[in-house]
Full PDB file with SEQRES, HELIX, SHEET, SSBOND, CRYST1, ORIGX, SCALE, CONECT and MASTER records, all heavy atoms in Angstrom:
SEQRES   1 A   33  ASP HIS SER ALA ALA ILE ASN GLY VAL ASN LEU ASN MET          
SEQRES   2 A   33  LYS PHE VAL PRO ALA MET LEU LYS LYS PRO ALA ASP ARG          
SEQRES   3 A   33  GLN LYS LEU ILE ASP LEU ILE                                  
HELIX    1 AA1 HIS A    2  ALA A    4  5                                   3    
HELIX    2 AA2 PRO A   17  LEU A   20  5                                   4    
HELIX    3 AA3 PRO A   23  LEU A   32  1                                  10    
CRYST1    1.000    1.000    1.000  90.00  90.00  90.00 P 1           1          
ORIGX1      1.000000  0.000000  0.000000        0.00000                         
ORIGX2      0.000000  1.000000  0.000000        0.00000                         
ORIGX3      0.000000  0.000000  1.000000        0.00000                         
SCALE1      1.000000  0.000000  0.000000        0.00000                         
SCALE2      0.000000  1.000000  0.000000        0.00000                         
SCALE3      0.000000  0.000000  1.000000        0.00000                         
ATOM      1  N   ASP A   1       3.936 -10.575 -14.371  1.00  0.00           N  
ATOM      2  CA  ASP A   1       4.692  -9.547 -15.070  1.00  0.00           C  
ATOM      3  C   ASP A   1       3.859  -8.302 -15.387  1.00  0.00           C  
ATOM      4  O   ASP A   1       3.117  -8.308 -16.312  1.00  0.00           O  
ATOM      5  CB  ASP A   1       5.346 -10.131 -16.362  1.00  0.00           C  
ATOM      6  CG  ASP A   1       6.236  -9.135 -17.086  1.00  0.00           C  
ATOM      7  OD1 ASP A   1       6.513  -8.060 -16.497  1.00  0.00           O  
ATOM      8  OD2 ASP A   1       6.607  -9.460 -18.225  1.00  0.00           O  
ATOM      9  N   HIS A   2       4.139  -7.219 -14.622  1.00  0.00           N  
ATOM     10  CA  HIS A   2       3.335  -6.049 -14.779  1.00  0.00           C  
ATOM     11  C   HIS A   2       3.809  -5.312 -16.064  1.00  0.00           C  
ATOM     12  O   HIS A   2       3.035  -4.340 -16.476  1.00  0.00           O  
ATOM     13  CB  HIS A   2       3.494  -5.167 -13.573  1.00  0.00           C  
ATOM     14  CG  HIS A   2       2.750  -5.642 -12.409  1.00  0.00           C  
ATOM     15  ND1 HIS A   2       2.153  -4.857 -11.493  1.00  0.00           N  
ATOM     16  CD2 HIS A   2       2.548  -6.908 -11.949  1.00  0.00           C  
ATOM     17  CE1 HIS A   2       1.475  -5.563 -10.569  1.00  0.00           C  
ATOM     18  NE2 HIS A   2       1.764  -6.849 -10.796  1.00  0.00           N  
ATOM     19  N   SER A   3       4.947  -5.507 -16.578  1.00  0.00           N  
ATOM     20  CA  SER A   3       5.328  -4.797 -17.821  1.00  0.00           C  
ATOM     21  C   SER A   3       4.455  -5.032 -18.957  1.00  0.00           C  
ATOM     22  O   SER A   3       4.498  -4.317 -19.940  1.00  0.00           O  
ATOM     23  CB  SER A   3       6.831  -5.174 -18.155  1.00  0.00           C  
ATOM     24  OG  SER A   3       6.884  -6.515 -18.533  1.00  0.00           O  
ATOM     25  N   ALA A   4       3.624  -6.059 -18.943  1.00  0.00           N  
ATOM     26  CA  ALA A   4       2.694  -6.370 -19.988  1.00  0.00           C  
ATOM     27  C   ALA A   4       1.542  -5.320 -20.095  1.00  0.00           C  
ATOM     28  O   ALA A   4       0.901  -5.230 -21.100  1.00  0.00           O  
ATOM     29  CB  ALA A   4       2.105  -7.765 -19.842  1.00  0.00           C  
ATOM     30  N   ALA A   5       1.349  -4.605 -19.004  1.00  0.00           N  
ATOM     31  CA  ALA A   5       0.320  -3.611 -18.950  1.00  0.00           C  
ATOM     32  C   ALA A   5       0.935  -2.192 -19.298  1.00  0.00           C  
ATOM     33  O   ALA A   5       1.581  -1.564 -18.453  1.00  0.00           O  
ATOM     34  CB  ALA A   5      -0.323  -3.520 -17.619  1.00  0.00           C  
ATOM     35  N   ILE A   6       0.736  -1.728 -20.452  1.00  0.00           N  
ATOM     36  CA  ILE A   6       1.406  -0.504 -21.008  1.00  0.00           C  
ATOM     37  C   ILE A   6       1.153   0.674 -20.158  1.00  0.00           C  
ATOM     38  O   ILE A   6       2.064   1.382 -19.872  1.00  0.00           O  
ATOM     39  CB  ILE A   6       0.884  -0.298 -22.441  1.00  0.00           C  
ATOM     40  CG1 ILE A   6       1.398  -1.419 -23.352  1.00  0.00           C  
ATOM     41  CG2 ILE A   6       1.414   1.072 -22.967  1.00  0.00           C  
ATOM     42  CD1 ILE A   6       0.796  -1.402 -24.713  1.00  0.00           C  
ATOM     43  N   ASN A   7      -0.136   0.906 -19.666  1.00  0.00           N  
ATOM     44  CA  ASN A   7      -0.462   1.988 -18.879  1.00  0.00           C  
ATOM     45  C   ASN A   7      -0.446   1.714 -17.389  1.00  0.00           C  
ATOM     46  O   ASN A   7      -0.866   2.526 -16.535  1.00  0.00           O  
ATOM     47  CB  ASN A   7      -1.831   2.637 -19.244  1.00  0.00           C  
ATOM     48  CG  ASN A   7      -1.787   3.262 -20.551  1.00  0.00           C  
ATOM     49  OD1 ASN A   7      -0.801   3.881 -20.866  1.00  0.00           O  
ATOM     50  ND2 ASN A   7      -2.817   3.076 -21.324  1.00  0.00           N  
ATOM     51  N   GLY A   8       0.080   0.548 -17.048  1.00  0.00           N  
ATOM     52  CA  GLY A   8       0.122   0.141 -15.643  1.00  0.00           C  
ATOM     53  C   GLY A   8      -1.229  -0.452 -15.169  1.00  0.00           C  
ATOM     54  O   GLY A   8      -2.211  -0.403 -15.867  1.00  0.00           O  
ATOM     55  N   VAL A   9      -1.225  -0.949 -13.960  1.00  0.00           N  
ATOM     56  CA  VAL A   9      -2.368  -1.526 -13.381  1.00  0.00           C  
ATOM     57  C   VAL A   9      -2.439  -1.022 -11.956  1.00  0.00           C  
ATOM     58  O   VAL A   9      -1.422  -0.943 -11.284  1.00  0.00           O  
ATOM     59  CB  VAL A   9      -2.395  -3.080 -13.451  1.00  0.00           C  
ATOM     60  CG1 VAL A   9      -2.607  -3.544 -14.899  1.00  0.00           C  
ATOM     61  CG2 VAL A   9      -1.080  -3.679 -12.950  1.00  0.00           C  
ATOM     62  N   ASN A  10      -3.605  -0.793 -11.423  1.00  0.00           N  
ATOM     63  CA  ASN A  10      -3.735  -0.370 -10.050  1.00  0.00           C  
ATOM     64  C   ASN A  10      -4.225  -1.417  -9.125  1.00  0.00           C  
ATOM     65  O   ASN A  10      -5.114  -2.213  -9.422  1.00  0.00           O  
ATOM     66  CB  ASN A  10      -4.653   0.841  -9.990  1.00  0.00           C  
ATOM     67  CG  ASN A  10      -6.087   0.596 -10.406  1.00  0.00           C  
ATOM     68  OD1 ASN A  10      -6.263   0.227 -11.506  1.00  0.00           O  
ATOM     69  ND2 ASN A  10      -7.004   0.754  -9.455  1.00  0.00           N  
ATOM     70  N   LEU A  11      -3.641  -1.355  -7.925  1.00  0.00           N  
ATOM     71  CA  LEU A  11      -4.056  -2.248  -6.798  1.00  0.00           C  
ATOM     72  C   LEU A  11      -4.656  -1.334  -5.736  1.00  0.00           C  
ATOM     73  O   LEU A  11      -3.997  -0.375  -5.261  1.00  0.00           O  
ATOM     74  CB  LEU A  11      -2.868  -3.069  -6.278  1.00  0.00           C  
ATOM     75  CG  LEU A  11      -3.116  -3.733  -4.927  1.00  0.00           C  
ATOM     76  CD1 LEU A  11      -4.242  -4.803  -4.997  1.00  0.00           C  
ATOM     77  CD2 LEU A  11      -1.841  -4.350  -4.415  1.00  0.00           C  
ATOM     78  N   ASN A  12      -5.906  -1.486  -5.390  1.00  0.00           N  
ATOM     79  CA  ASN A  12      -6.556  -0.781  -4.352  1.00  0.00           C  
ATOM     80  C   ASN A  12      -6.574  -1.568  -3.093  1.00  0.00           C  
ATOM     81  O   ASN A  12      -6.824  -2.688  -3.064  1.00  0.00           O  
ATOM     82  CB  ASN A  12      -8.065  -0.527  -4.720  1.00  0.00           C  
ATOM     83  CG  ASN A  12      -8.217   0.519  -5.868  1.00  0.00           C  
ATOM     84  OD1 ASN A  12      -7.522   1.490  -5.901  1.00  0.00           O  
ATOM     85  ND2 ASN A  12      -9.152   0.301  -6.710  1.00  0.00           N  
ATOM     86  N   MET A  13      -6.246  -0.868  -1.987  1.00  0.00           N  
ATOM     87  CA  MET A  13      -6.316  -1.414  -0.660  1.00  0.00           C  
ATOM     88  C   MET A  13      -7.029  -0.472   0.323  1.00  0.00           C  
ATOM     89  O   MET A  13      -6.940   0.725   0.043  1.00  0.00           O  
ATOM     90  CB  MET A  13      -4.930  -1.809  -0.176  1.00  0.00           C  
ATOM     91  CG  MET A  13      -4.251  -2.840  -1.041  1.00  0.00           C  
ATOM     92  SD  MET A  13      -2.668  -3.386  -0.369  1.00  0.00           S  
ATOM     93  CE  MET A  13      -3.287  -4.727   0.751  1.00  0.00           C  
ATOM     94  N   LYS A  14      -7.667  -0.973   1.318  1.00  0.00           N  
ATOM     95  CA  LYS A  14      -8.419  -0.192   2.246  1.00  0.00           C  
ATOM     96  C   LYS A  14      -7.923  -0.503   3.663  1.00  0.00           C  
ATOM     97  O   LYS A  14      -7.878  -1.729   4.069  1.00  0.00           O  
ATOM     98  CB  LYS A  14      -9.888  -0.482   2.055  1.00  0.00           C  
ATOM     99  CG  LYS A  14     -10.822   0.326   3.005  1.00  0.00           C  
ATOM    100  CD  LYS A  14     -12.210  -0.033   2.666  1.00  0.00           C  
ATOM    101  CE  LYS A  14     -13.200   0.527   3.657  1.00  0.00           C  
ATOM    102  NZ  LYS A  14     -14.583   0.099   3.358  1.00  0.00           N  
ATOM    103  N   PHE A  15      -7.613   0.520   4.372  1.00  0.00           N  
ATOM    104  CA  PHE A  15      -7.221   0.451   5.810  1.00  0.00           C  
ATOM    105  C   PHE A  15      -8.107   1.388   6.616  1.00  0.00           C  
ATOM    106  O   PHE A  15      -8.455   2.485   6.061  1.00  0.00           O  
ATOM    107  CB  PHE A  15      -5.738   0.775   6.001  1.00  0.00           C  
ATOM    108  CG  PHE A  15      -4.766  -0.177   5.353  1.00  0.00           C  
ATOM    109  CD1 PHE A  15      -4.342   0.048   4.127  1.00  0.00           C  
ATOM    110  CD2 PHE A  15      -4.352  -1.331   6.080  1.00  0.00           C  
ATOM    111  CE1 PHE A  15      -3.423  -0.755   3.504  1.00  0.00           C  
ATOM    112  CE2 PHE A  15      -3.470  -2.189   5.443  1.00  0.00           C  
ATOM    113  CZ  PHE A  15      -3.001  -1.928   4.165  1.00  0.00           C  
ATOM    114  N   VAL A  16      -8.324   1.137   7.900  1.00  0.00           N  
ATOM    115  CA  VAL A  16      -8.998   2.101   8.727  1.00  0.00           C  
ATOM    116  C   VAL A  16      -7.975   2.984   9.386  1.00  0.00           C  
ATOM    117  O   VAL A  16      -6.839   2.545   9.728  1.00  0.00           O  
ATOM    118  CB  VAL A  16      -9.901   1.463   9.797  1.00  0.00           C  
ATOM    119  CG1 VAL A  16     -11.081   0.741   9.159  1.00  0.00           C  
ATOM    120  CG2 VAL A  16      -9.121   0.455  10.681  1.00  0.00           C  
ATOM    121  N   PRO A  17      -8.277   4.290   9.644  1.00  0.00           N  
ATOM    122  CA  PRO A  17      -7.279   5.192  10.176  1.00  0.00           C  
ATOM    123  C   PRO A  17      -6.633   4.709  11.484  1.00  0.00           C  
ATOM    124  O   PRO A  17      -5.458   4.930  11.723  1.00  0.00           O  
ATOM    125  CB  PRO A  17      -8.068   6.442  10.341  1.00  0.00           C  
ATOM    126  CG  PRO A  17      -9.206   6.375   9.405  1.00  0.00           C  
ATOM    127  CD  PRO A  17      -9.516   4.956   9.268  1.00  0.00           C  
ATOM    128  N   ALA A  18      -7.400   4.038  12.322  1.00  0.00           N  
ATOM    129  CA  ALA A  18      -6.906   3.606  13.620  1.00  0.00           C  
ATOM    130  C   ALA A  18      -5.656   2.668  13.443  1.00  0.00           C  
ATOM    131  O   ALA A  18      -4.874   2.618  14.407  1.00  0.00           O  
ATOM    132  CB  ALA A  18      -8.049   2.919  14.354  1.00  0.00           C  
ATOM    133  N   MET A  19      -5.626   2.018  12.372  1.00  0.00           N  
ATOM    134  CA  MET A  19      -4.499   1.047  12.137  1.00  0.00           C  
ATOM    135  C   MET A  19      -3.186   1.715  11.852  1.00  0.00           C  
ATOM    136  O   MET A  19      -2.118   1.123  11.864  1.00  0.00           O  
ATOM    137  CB  MET A  19      -4.858   0.132  11.010  1.00  0.00           C  
ATOM    138  CG  MET A  19      -6.014  -0.824  11.389  1.00  0.00           C  
ATOM    139  SD  MET A  19      -6.447  -1.861   9.991  1.00  0.00           S  
ATOM    140  CE  MET A  19      -4.942  -2.543   9.557  1.00  0.00           C  
ATOM    141  N   LEU A  20      -3.254   3.056  11.604  1.00  0.00           N  
ATOM    142  CA  LEU A  20      -2.000   3.771  11.241  1.00  0.00           C  
ATOM    143  C   LEU A  20      -1.675   4.884  12.178  1.00  0.00           C  
ATOM    144  O   LEU A  20      -0.922   5.786  11.794  1.00  0.00           O  
ATOM    145  CB  LEU A  20      -2.181   4.263   9.807  1.00  0.00           C  
ATOM    146  CG  LEU A  20      -2.427   3.209   8.724  1.00  0.00           C  
ATOM    147  CD1 LEU A  20      -2.787   3.902   7.436  1.00  0.00           C  
ATOM    148  CD2 LEU A  20      -1.206   2.312   8.653  1.00  0.00           C  
ATOM    149  N   LYS A  21      -2.153   4.797  13.445  1.00  0.00           N  
ATOM    150  CA  LYS A  21      -1.919   5.851  14.433  1.00  0.00           C  
ATOM    151  C   LYS A  21      -0.478   5.849  14.979  1.00  0.00           C  
ATOM    152  O   LYS A  21       0.062   6.915  15.180  1.00  0.00           O  
ATOM    153  CB  LYS A  21      -2.882   5.753  15.526  1.00  0.00           C  
ATOM    154  CG  LYS A  21      -4.254   6.304  15.191  1.00  0.00           C  
ATOM    155  CD  LYS A  21      -5.177   6.403  16.368  1.00  0.00           C  
ATOM    156  CE  LYS A  21      -6.498   7.020  15.929  1.00  0.00           C  
ATOM    157  NZ  LYS A  21      -7.385   7.245  17.044  1.00  0.00           N  
ATOM    158  N   LYS A  22       0.063   4.667  15.097  1.00  0.00           N  
ATOM    159  CA  LYS A  22       1.405   4.571  15.721  1.00  0.00           C  
ATOM    160  C   LYS A  22       2.501   4.594  14.686  1.00  0.00           C  
ATOM    161  O   LYS A  22       2.268   4.044  13.594  1.00  0.00           O  
ATOM    162  CB  LYS A  22       1.503   3.229  16.492  1.00  0.00           C  
ATOM    163  CG  LYS A  22       0.550   3.083  17.660  1.00  0.00           C  
ATOM    164  CD  LYS A  22       0.665   1.751  18.287  1.00  0.00           C  
ATOM    165  CE  LYS A  22      -0.425   1.515  19.350  1.00  0.00           C  
ATOM    166  NZ  LYS A  22      -0.450   0.214  19.922  1.00  0.00           N  
ATOM    167  N   PRO A  23       3.634   5.169  14.972  1.00  0.00           N  
ATOM    168  CA  PRO A  23       4.724   5.250  13.975  1.00  0.00           C  
ATOM    169  C   PRO A  23       5.128   3.796  13.560  1.00  0.00           C  
ATOM    170  O   PRO A  23       5.407   3.642  12.316  1.00  0.00           O  
ATOM    171  CB  PRO A  23       5.858   5.791  14.813  1.00  0.00           C  
ATOM    172  CG  PRO A  23       5.199   6.703  15.758  1.00  0.00           C  
ATOM    173  CD  PRO A  23       3.946   5.952  16.174  1.00  0.00           C  
ATOM    174  N   ALA A  24       5.036   2.841  14.403  1.00  0.00           N  
ATOM    175  CA  ALA A  24       5.463   1.437  13.991  1.00  0.00           C  
ATOM    176  C   ALA A  24       4.490   0.890  12.987  1.00  0.00           C  
ATOM    177  O   ALA A  24       4.809   0.185  12.055  1.00  0.00           O  
ATOM    178  CB  ALA A  24       5.475   0.533  15.224  1.00  0.00           C  
ATOM    179  N   ASP A  25       3.176   1.308  13.090  1.00  0.00           N  
ATOM    180  CA  ASP A  25       2.215   0.799  12.152  1.00  0.00           C  
ATOM    181  C   ASP A  25       2.363   1.516  10.776  1.00  0.00           C  
ATOM    182  O   ASP A  25       2.254   0.897   9.734  1.00  0.00           O  
ATOM    183  CB  ASP A  25       0.781   1.058  12.675  1.00  0.00           C  
ATOM    184  CG  ASP A  25       0.432   0.243  13.937  1.00  0.00           C  
ATOM    185  OD1 ASP A  25       1.099  -0.893  13.990  1.00  0.00           O  
ATOM    186  OD2 ASP A  25      -0.354   0.627  14.717  1.00  0.00           O  
ATOM    187  N   ARG A  26       2.680   2.801  10.848  1.00  0.00           N  
ATOM    188  CA  ARG A  26       2.915   3.540   9.560  1.00  0.00           C  
ATOM    189  C   ARG A  26       4.161   2.947   8.896  1.00  0.00           C  
ATOM    190  O   ARG A  26       4.200   2.860   7.622  1.00  0.00           O  
ATOM    191  CB  ARG A  26       3.050   5.024   9.865  1.00  0.00           C  
ATOM    192  CG  ARG A  26       1.748   5.689  10.252  1.00  0.00           C  
ATOM    193  CD  ARG A  26       1.786   7.132  10.310  1.00  0.00           C  
ATOM    194  NE  ARG A  26       2.638   7.747  11.318  1.00  0.00           N  
ATOM    195  CZ  ARG A  26       2.278   7.929  12.579  1.00  0.00           C  
ATOM    196  NH1 ARG A  26       1.123   7.596  12.989  1.00  0.00           N  
ATOM    197  NH2 ARG A  26       3.196   8.462  13.477  1.00  0.00           N  
ATOM    198  N   GLN A  27       5.160   2.532   9.621  1.00  0.00           N  
ATOM    199  CA  GLN A  27       6.373   1.908   9.051  1.00  0.00           C  
ATOM    200  C   GLN A  27       6.002   0.650   8.405  1.00  0.00           C  
ATOM    201  O   GLN A  27       6.562   0.306   7.306  1.00  0.00           O  
ATOM    202  CB  GLN A  27       7.435   1.784  10.159  1.00  0.00           C  
ATOM    203  CG  GLN A  27       8.710   1.221   9.447  1.00  0.00           C  
ATOM    204  CD  GLN A  27       9.357   2.183   8.567  1.00  0.00           C  
ATOM    205  OE1 GLN A  27       9.510   3.433   8.863  1.00  0.00           O  
ATOM    206  NE2 GLN A  27       9.765   1.677   7.378  1.00  0.00           N  
ATOM    207  N   LYS A  28       5.031  -0.140   8.967  1.00  0.00           N  
ATOM    208  CA  LYS A  28       4.648  -1.385   8.319  1.00  0.00           C  
ATOM    209  C   LYS A  28       4.052  -1.099   6.977  1.00  0.00           C  
ATOM    210  O   LYS A  28       4.279  -1.816   6.006  1.00  0.00           O  
ATOM    211  CB  LYS A  28       3.651  -2.119   9.223  1.00  0.00           C  
ATOM    212  CG  LYS A  28       4.198  -2.718  10.433  1.00  0.00           C  
ATOM    213  CD  LYS A  28       3.051  -3.369  11.303  1.00  0.00           C  
ATOM    214  CE  LYS A  28       3.517  -3.831  12.641  1.00  0.00           C  
ATOM    215  NZ  LYS A  28       2.470  -4.452  13.397  1.00  0.00           N  
ATOM    216  N   LEU A  29       3.288  -0.044   6.877  1.00  0.00           N  
ATOM    217  CA  LEU A  29       2.624   0.299   5.537  1.00  0.00           C  
ATOM    218  C   LEU A  29       3.771   0.736   4.583  1.00  0.00           C  
ATOM    219  O   LEU A  29       3.698   0.328   3.412  1.00  0.00           O  
ATOM    220  CB  LEU A  29       1.638   1.466   5.789  1.00  0.00           C  
ATOM    221  CG  LEU A  29       0.960   1.912   4.488  1.00  0.00           C  
ATOM    222  CD1 LEU A  29       0.181   0.733   3.802  1.00  0.00           C  
ATOM    223  CD2 LEU A  29       0.043   3.059   4.723  1.00  0.00           C  
ATOM    224  N   ILE A  30       4.687   1.530   5.051  1.00  0.00           N  
ATOM    225  CA  ILE A  30       5.791   1.911   4.203  1.00  0.00           C  
ATOM    226  C   ILE A  30       6.644   0.640   3.744  1.00  0.00           C  
ATOM    227  O   ILE A  30       6.910   0.538   2.558  1.00  0.00           O  
ATOM    228  CB  ILE A  30       6.837   2.836   4.929  1.00  0.00           C  
ATOM    229  CG1 ILE A  30       6.093   4.176   5.187  1.00  0.00           C  
ATOM    230  CG2 ILE A  30       8.103   3.016   4.209  1.00  0.00           C  
ATOM    231  CD1 ILE A  30       6.859   5.105   6.231  1.00  0.00           C  
ATOM    232  N   ASP A  31       6.826  -0.270   4.611  1.00  0.00           N  
ATOM    233  CA  ASP A  31       7.523  -1.534   4.252  1.00  0.00           C  
ATOM    234  C   ASP A  31       6.651  -2.380   3.246  1.00  0.00           C  
ATOM    235  O   ASP A  31       7.223  -2.929   2.351  1.00  0.00           O  
ATOM    236  CB  ASP A  31       7.803  -2.355   5.481  1.00  0.00           C  
ATOM    237  CG  ASP A  31       8.852  -1.707   6.451  1.00  0.00           C  
ATOM    238  OD1 ASP A  31       9.577  -0.836   6.015  1.00  0.00           O  
ATOM    239  OD2 ASP A  31       8.827  -2.113   7.633  1.00  0.00           O  
ATOM    240  N   LEU A  32       5.370  -2.352   3.438  1.00  0.00           N  
ATOM    241  CA  LEU A  32       4.491  -3.059   2.505  1.00  0.00           C  
ATOM    242  C   LEU A  32       4.640  -2.509   1.104  1.00  0.00           C  
ATOM    243  O   LEU A  32       4.690  -3.233   0.089  1.00  0.00           O  
ATOM    244  CB  LEU A  32       3.055  -3.017   3.006  1.00  0.00           C  
ATOM    245  CG  LEU A  32       2.052  -3.752   2.071  1.00  0.00           C  
ATOM    246  CD1 LEU A  32       2.122  -5.296   2.288  1.00  0.00           C  
ATOM    247  CD2 LEU A  32       0.612  -3.343   2.520  1.00  0.00           C  
ATOM    248  N   ILE A  33       4.586  -1.178   1.013  1.00  0.00           N  
ATOM    249  CA  ILE A  33       4.666  -0.479  -0.276  1.00  0.00           C  
ATOM    250  C   ILE A  33       5.972  -0.770  -0.988  1.00  0.00           C  
ATOM    251  O   ILE A  33       6.080  -1.192  -2.139  1.00  0.00           O  
ATOM    252  CB  ILE A  33       4.459   0.999  -0.155  1.00  0.00           C  
ATOM    253  CG1 ILE A  33       2.963   1.326   0.347  1.00  0.00           C  
ATOM    254  CG2 ILE A  33       4.717   1.738  -1.381  1.00  0.00           C  
ATOM    255  CD1 ILE A  33       2.786   2.725   0.890  1.00  0.00           C  
TER     256      ILE A  33                                                      
MASTER        0    0    0    3    0    0    0    6  255    1    0    3          
END                                                                             
């Protein structure tokens, strides 16, 4: 339950640029978010 964190909590993720070159790959990131 994230509502317990009054100021929110951050999740960091790292991807290499080559993984987001194709529109289908960018859509996967959008879907993940």
